[in-house]
Amino acid sequence: MTAPTITLNNGLEIPQIGLGVFQTSPEDTERIVRYAIDEAGYRHIDGAKVYRNEEAVGRAVRASSIPREELFITTKLWNDDHGRDRALAAIDASLERLGMDYVDLYLVHWPLGDPAELAETWLAMEEILAAGKARSIGVSNHLPEHLETVLGVGTVVPAVNQIELHPNLQQLELRELDAAHGIVTESWSPLGGTARPGDPIRNAILANPVITGIAEAHGRSPAQVIIRWHVQNGLVVIPKTTHEDRAAQNIDVFDFELTETDLAAIAALENGVRVGPHPAEVR
């Protein structure tokens, strides 16, 4: 099974479901990426410099049975690489670690707090795009004021804005702004992460009675219900797992559909609670 694609504003097709490798060891990354590609049908892998596993992603891609050009690989520019010279060096270093000539999507991981530096960084991203080192460029964790800076300085509209997004934090206003500019919204922590700071239970929303009730009605897992919710909302979604059975299950969501009643019940779970940092607070 492979995921359908969404067309980005530059015409490139991005698979709607990808595998995230945040907080995954190099050993687990190599194993799960290889499995995801060869056995589960994934064609989209979402990584980042700061995850410290780019080399493992590259090894798994080269060892897989799928040609590189049929895969969609994302990595991200880390915070200490903002600014023209550092950004241009950072993409070269990421490509070397990945063992690739290009990535399909290169994202500014966080906007940070300096609009002038963000503007300089975005212009460097446009240079990276023009050089063919990334087939598309975008942003991550960018609020409206950050998008205003990027859109005001550059000539290329970001292809993607990857943000924390799940049933407790549905980001409707930011999604509408993205759509108005032709920017695809991509969901990180799509299954809800920890319930609150210090809570040891991962993805606690999976146990929410609304989600479990919908899952039971459809004969599906709670994770499949939430991933299907992202899909039906037109989002790109990148659930992370190191478990092969869950990786296979997470992409197996295209033979059922949530009802309008289901969607309304999930919409009512919005409470504005983040599980990651607020973009305005990251410096």
Protein backbone atom coordinates (compact mmCIF):
# COMPACT_ATOMS: atom_id res chain seq x y z
CA MET A 1 0.00 0.00 0.00
CA THR A 2 1.22 3.49 -0.84
CA ALA A 3 -0.28 6.83 0.12
CA PRO A 4 -1.92 9.22 -2.34
CA THR A 5 -0.12 12.45 -3.05
CA ILE A 6 -0.86 16.15 -2.70
CA THR A 7 0.43 18.59 -5.31
CA LEU A 8 2.68 21.30 -3.91
CA ASN A 9 2.66 24.85 -5.27
CA ASN A 10 5.65 24.05 -7.50
CA GLY A 11 3.98 21.01 -9.04
CA LEU A 12 5.90 18.43 -7.03
CA GLU A 13 3.86 15.58 -5.56
CA ILE A 14 4.24 14.86 -1.83
CA PRO A 15 2.91 11.56 -0.41
CA GLN A 16 0.21 12.38 2.11
CA ILE A 17 1.55 9.99 4.75
CA GLY A 18 5.22 9.82 5.66
CA LEU A 19 7.35 8.19 8.32
CA GLY A 20 8.86 10.53 10.92
CA VAL A 21 12.20 9.67 12.54
CA PHE A 22 12.30 12.18 15.41
CA GLN A 23 13.95 10.77 18.55
CA THR A 24 14.85 7.55 16.72
CA SER A 25 18.29 6.05 17.20
CA PRO A 26 20.43 5.51 14.09
CA GLU A 27 20.06 1.75 14.45
CA ASP A 28 16.27 1.91 14.73
CA THR A 29 16.11 4.53 11.98
CA GLU A 30 17.92 2.34 9.47
CA ARG A 31 15.75 -0.65 10.32
CA ILE A 32 12.35 1.08 10.35
CA VAL A 33 12.99 3.21 7.25
CA ARG A 34 14.07 0.14 5.29
CA TYR A 35 10.96 -1.72 6.46
CA ALA A 36 8.67 1.22 5.78
CA ILE A 37 9.88 1.54 2.21
CA ASP A 38 10.21 -2.10 1.22
CA GLU A 39 7.43 -3.73 3.23
CA ALA A 40 4.86 -1.11 4.24
CA GLY A 41 4.81 0.99 1.07
CA TYR A 42 6.02 4.33 2.39
CA ARG A 43 7.51 6.71 -0.15
CA HIS A 44 7.98 9.69 2.18
CA ILE A 45 10.54 9.96 4.99
CA ASP A 46 10.71 13.06 7.20
CA GLY A 47 14.02 13.76 8.94
CA ALA A 48 16.16 16.63 10.19
CA LYS A 49 19.76 17.46 10.97
CA VAL A 50 19.00 17.75 14.69
CA TYR A 51 17.58 14.20 14.79
CA ARG A 52 21.18 12.96 14.34
CA ASN A 53 20.18 10.10 12.06
CA GLU A 54 20.54 11.46 8.53
CA GLU A 55 23.28 8.93 7.78
CA ALA A 56 20.95 6.11 8.81
CA VAL A 57 18.16 7.43 6.59
CA GLY A 58 20.58 7.50 3.68
CA ARG A 59 21.79 3.95 4.31
CA ALA A 60 18.21 2.66 4.48
CA VAL A 61 17.25 4.42 1.26
CA ARG A 62 20.26 3.00 -0.59
CA ALA A 63 19.57 -0.49 0.75
CA SER A 64 15.89 -0.40 -0.22
CA SER A 65 14.44 -1.84 -3.41
CA ILE A 66 12.85 1.47 -4.45
CA PRO A 67 14.80 3.89 -6.66
CA ARG A 68 15.75 7.17 -5.00
CA GLU A 69 13.74 9.18 -7.51
CA GLU A 70 10.55 7.44 -6.39
CA LEU A 71 11.02 8.54 -2.78
CA PHE A 72 10.29 11.87 -1.09
CA ILE A 73 12.98 12.76 1.45
CA THR A 74 12.74 15.75 3.79
CA THR A 75 15.39 17.23 6.05
CA LYS A 76 15.56 20.49 7.95
CA LEU A 77 17.85 23.45 8.60
CA TRP A 78 18.66 23.63 12.31
CA ASN A 79 18.59 26.77 14.43
CA ASP A 80 22.34 27.34 14.60
CA ASP A 81 22.54 27.28 10.81
CA HIS A 82 20.46 30.40 10.17
CA GLY A 83 22.08 33.07 8.01
CA ARG A 84 23.21 32.80 4.40
CA ASP A 85 26.66 31.27 4.77
CA ARG A 86 25.68 28.83 7.49
CA ALA A 87 22.55 27.74 5.64
CA LEU A 88 24.43 27.11 2.39
CA ALA A 89 26.98 25.05 4.28
CA ALA A 90 24.27 23.20 6.21
CA ILE A 91 22.51 21.79 3.15
CA ASP A 92 25.83 20.50 1.81
CA ALA A 93 26.54 18.82 5.13
CA SER A 94 23.07 17.24 5.26
CA LEU A 95 23.41 15.94 1.71
CA GLU A 96 26.80 14.47 2.56
CA ARG A 97 25.37 12.72 5.61
CA LEU A 98 22.40 11.45 3.60
CA GLY A 99 24.61 10.39 0.71
CA MET A 100 22.27 12.15 -1.72
CA ASP A 101 22.57 14.80 -4.41
CA TYR A 102 19.32 16.48 -3.38
CA VAL A 103 16.41 16.34 -0.96
CA ASP A 104 12.82 16.67 -2.06
CA LEU A 105 11.96 19.15 0.68
CA TYR A 106 14.22 21.34 2.82
CA LEU A 107 12.56 23.14 5.72
CA VAL A 108 13.59 25.98 8.04
CA HIS A 109 13.06 24.02 11.25
CA TRP A 110 12.18 26.98 13.55
CA PRO A 111 11.78 30.69 12.72
CA LEU A 112 13.59 31.93 15.86
CA GLY A 113 13.20 35.52 17.02
CA ASP A 114 15.11 37.68 14.54
CA PRO A 115 13.08 38.71 11.45
CA ALA A 116 16.17 40.04 9.66
CA GLU A 117 18.03 36.79 10.12
CA LEU A 118 14.98 34.79 9.06
CA ALA A 119 14.75 36.90 5.91
CA GLU A 120 18.44 36.26 5.14
CA THR A 121 17.94 32.56 5.80
CA TRP A 122 14.95 32.34 3.48
CA LEU A 123 16.88 33.98 0.66
CA ALA A 124 19.57 31.34 1.19
CA MET A 125 16.86 28.67 0.96
CA GLU A 126 15.93 30.11 -2.42
CA GLU A 127 19.57 29.79 -3.48
CA ILE A 128 19.52 26.16 -2.36
CA LEU A 129 16.41 25.58 -4.46
CA ALA A 130 17.93 27.27 -7.50
CA ALA A 131 21.06 25.12 -7.17
CA GLY A 132 18.98 21.95 -7.32
CA LYS A 133 20.03 20.79 -3.87
CA ALA A 134 16.37 20.77 -2.81
CA ARG A 135 13.46 20.18 -5.15
CA SER A 136 11.21 22.26 -2.90
CA ILE A 137 11.68 24.48 0.14
CA GLY A 138 9.42 25.30 3.02
CA VAL A 139 9.16 26.14 6.68
CA SER A 140 8.32 24.46 9.96
CA ASN A 141 6.71 25.93 13.07
CA HIS A 142 6.08 29.28 11.36
CA LEU A 143 3.33 31.50 12.76
CA PRO A 144 1.60 34.21 10.71
CA GLU A 145 4.23 36.83 11.57
CA HIS A 146 7.00 34.50 10.45
CA LEU A 147 5.22 33.72 7.20
CA GLU A 148 4.82 37.46 6.64
CA THR A 149 8.59 37.88 6.87
CA VAL A 150 9.28 35.03 4.46
CA LEU A 151 6.63 36.06 1.96
CA GLY A 152 7.74 39.68 2.10
CA VAL A 153 11.39 39.08 1.34
CA GLY A 154 11.45 36.21 -1.12
CA THR A 155 10.21 35.30 -4.54
CA VAL A 156 9.42 31.66 -3.69
CA VAL A 157 6.34 30.84 -1.61
CA PRO A 158 7.06 28.03 0.87
CA ALA A 159 5.73 24.73 -0.39
CA VAL A 160 5.00 23.41 3.12
CA ASN A 161 4.50 24.67 6.66
CA GLN A 162 5.07 21.76 9.04
CA ILE A 163 3.45 22.47 12.41
CA GLU A 164 2.32 20.71 15.55
CA LEU A 165 -1.19 19.56 14.71
CA HIS A 166 -3.47 16.95 16.26
CA PRO A 167 -7.07 16.77 17.54
CA ASN A 168 -6.21 18.81 20.66
CA LEU A 169 -4.43 21.50 18.60
CA GLN A 170 -6.14 21.79 15.24
CA GLN A 171 -4.57 25.10 14.12
CA LEU A 172 -7.54 26.17 11.99
CA GLU A 173 -6.48 29.80 11.52
CA LEU A 174 -2.93 28.89 10.55
CA ARG A 175 -4.18 26.20 8.18
CA GLU A 176 -6.45 28.76 6.52
CA LEU A 177 -3.56 31.18 6.14
CA ASP A 178 -1.35 28.47 4.66
CA ALA A 179 -4.07 27.53 2.18
CA ALA A 180 -4.63 31.15 1.18
CA HIS A 181 -0.99 31.29 0.07
CA GLY A 182 -0.95 27.86 -1.56
CA ILE A 183 1.14 26.37 1.26
CA VAL A 184 0.47 22.76 2.22
CA THR A 185 0.11 22.19 5.96
CA GLU A 186 1.96 19.17 7.34
CA SER A 187 1.30 17.74 10.80
CA TRP A 188 3.99 16.84 13.29
CA SER A 189 3.13 15.05 16.54
CA PRO A 190 -0.05 14.02 14.71
CA LEU A 191 -1.11 11.50 17.35
CA GLY A 192 -0.96 14.01 20.17
CA GLY A 193 2.36 13.41 21.88
CA THR A 194 2.34 13.57 25.66
CA ALA A 195 -0.87 14.78 27.25
CA ARG A 196 0.89 17.60 29.14
CA PRO A 197 4.40 18.53 30.29
CA GLY A 198 5.79 15.80 32.51
CA ASP A 199 3.12 13.26 31.59
CA PRO A 200 4.85 9.92 30.95
CA ILE A 201 2.08 8.60 28.71
CA ARG A 202 2.86 9.01 25.03
CA ASN A 203 0.06 9.90 22.63
CA ALA A 204 -2.50 9.92 25.46
CA ILE A 205 -5.20 11.15 23.08
CA LEU A 206 -5.29 7.63 21.66
CA ALA A 207 -7.14 6.62 24.84
CA ASN A 208 -9.70 9.43 24.59
CA PRO A 209 -13.21 7.89 24.66
CA VAL A 210 -14.24 9.86 21.57
CA ILE A 211 -11.36 8.40 19.59
CA THR A 212 -11.71 4.87 20.95
CA GLY A 213 -15.45 4.92 20.29
CA ILE A 214 -14.97 5.94 16.66
CA ALA A 215 -12.24 3.33 16.29
CA GLU A 216 -14.50 0.60 17.63
CA ALA A 217 -17.31 1.63 15.30
CA HIS A 218 -15.03 1.36 12.25
CA GLY A 219 -13.10 -1.69 13.40
CA ARG A 220 -9.89 0.31 13.38
CA SER A 221 -7.21 1.35 15.85
CA PRO A 222 -7.32 4.78 17.53
CA ALA A 223 -4.12 5.73 15.67
CA GLN A 224 -5.72 4.86 12.33
CA VAL A 225 -8.73 7.04 13.19
CA ILE A 226 -6.54 10.05 13.98
CA ILE A 227 -4.37 9.57 10.88
CA ARG A 228 -7.51 9.25 8.79
CA TRP A 229 -8.74 12.51 10.34
CA HIS A 230 -5.57 14.25 9.12
CA VAL A 231 -5.99 12.73 5.65
CA GLN A 232 -9.62 13.80 5.33
CA ASN A 233 -8.65 17.32 6.36
CA GLY A 234 -6.24 17.50 3.43
CA LEU A 235 -3.14 17.48 5.62
CA VAL A 236 0.18 15.74 5.11
CA VAL A 237 0.82 13.60 8.17
CA ILE A 238 4.07 12.07 9.45
CA PRO A 239 3.44 9.67 12.34
CA LYS A 240 6.61 8.41 13.99
CA THR A 241 7.10 4.83 15.14
CA THR A 242 9.92 2.34 15.49
CA HIS A 243 7.51 -0.63 15.52
CA GLU A 244 7.04 -2.40 12.21
CA ASP A 245 3.45 -3.45 12.89
CA ARG A 246 2.47 0.12 13.74
CA ALA A 247 4.26 1.49 10.68
CA ALA A 248 2.23 -0.86 8.49
CA GLN A 249 -0.98 -0.01 10.34
CA ASN A 250 -0.42 3.75 10.14
CA ILE A 251 -0.44 3.80 6.35
CA ASP A 252 -3.39 1.40 6.08
CA VAL A 253 -6.09 4.07 6.30
CA PHE A 254 -7.39 4.40 2.76
CA ASP A 255 -10.17 1.81 2.76
CA PHE A 256 -12.46 3.49 5.28
CA GLU A 257 -13.85 6.98 5.79
CA LEU A 258 -14.85 8.96 8.85
CA THR A 259 -18.43 10.21 8.86
CA GLU A 260 -19.46 13.83 9.31
CA THR A 261 -20.52 12.89 12.83
CA ASP A 262 -17.07 11.42 13.48
CA LEU A 263 -15.37 14.55 12.17
CA ALA A 264 -17.55 16.81 14.29
CA ALA A 265 -16.81 14.77 17.41
CA ILE A 266 -13.07 14.99 16.79
CA ALA A 267 -13.33 18.73 16.06
CA ALA A 268 -14.82 19.15 19.54
CA LEU A 269 -11.59 17.81 21.10
CA GLU A 270 -9.79 21.09 20.37
CA ASN A 271 -8.37 22.54 23.59
CA GLY A 272 -5.34 24.45 22.35
CA VAL A 273 -2.89 22.36 24.37
CA ARG A 274 0.54 21.99 22.81
CA VAL A 275 2.89 19.10 23.49
CA GLY A 276 5.88 20.86 21.92
CA PRO A 277 7.35 24.35 22.32
CA HIS A 278 5.47 27.41 21.17
CA PRO A 279 7.25 28.79 18.08
CA ALA A 280 7.35 32.28 19.56
CA GLU A 281 9.36 30.98 22.52
CA VAL A 282 12.09 29.16 20.57
CA ARG A 283 15.25 31.23 20.21
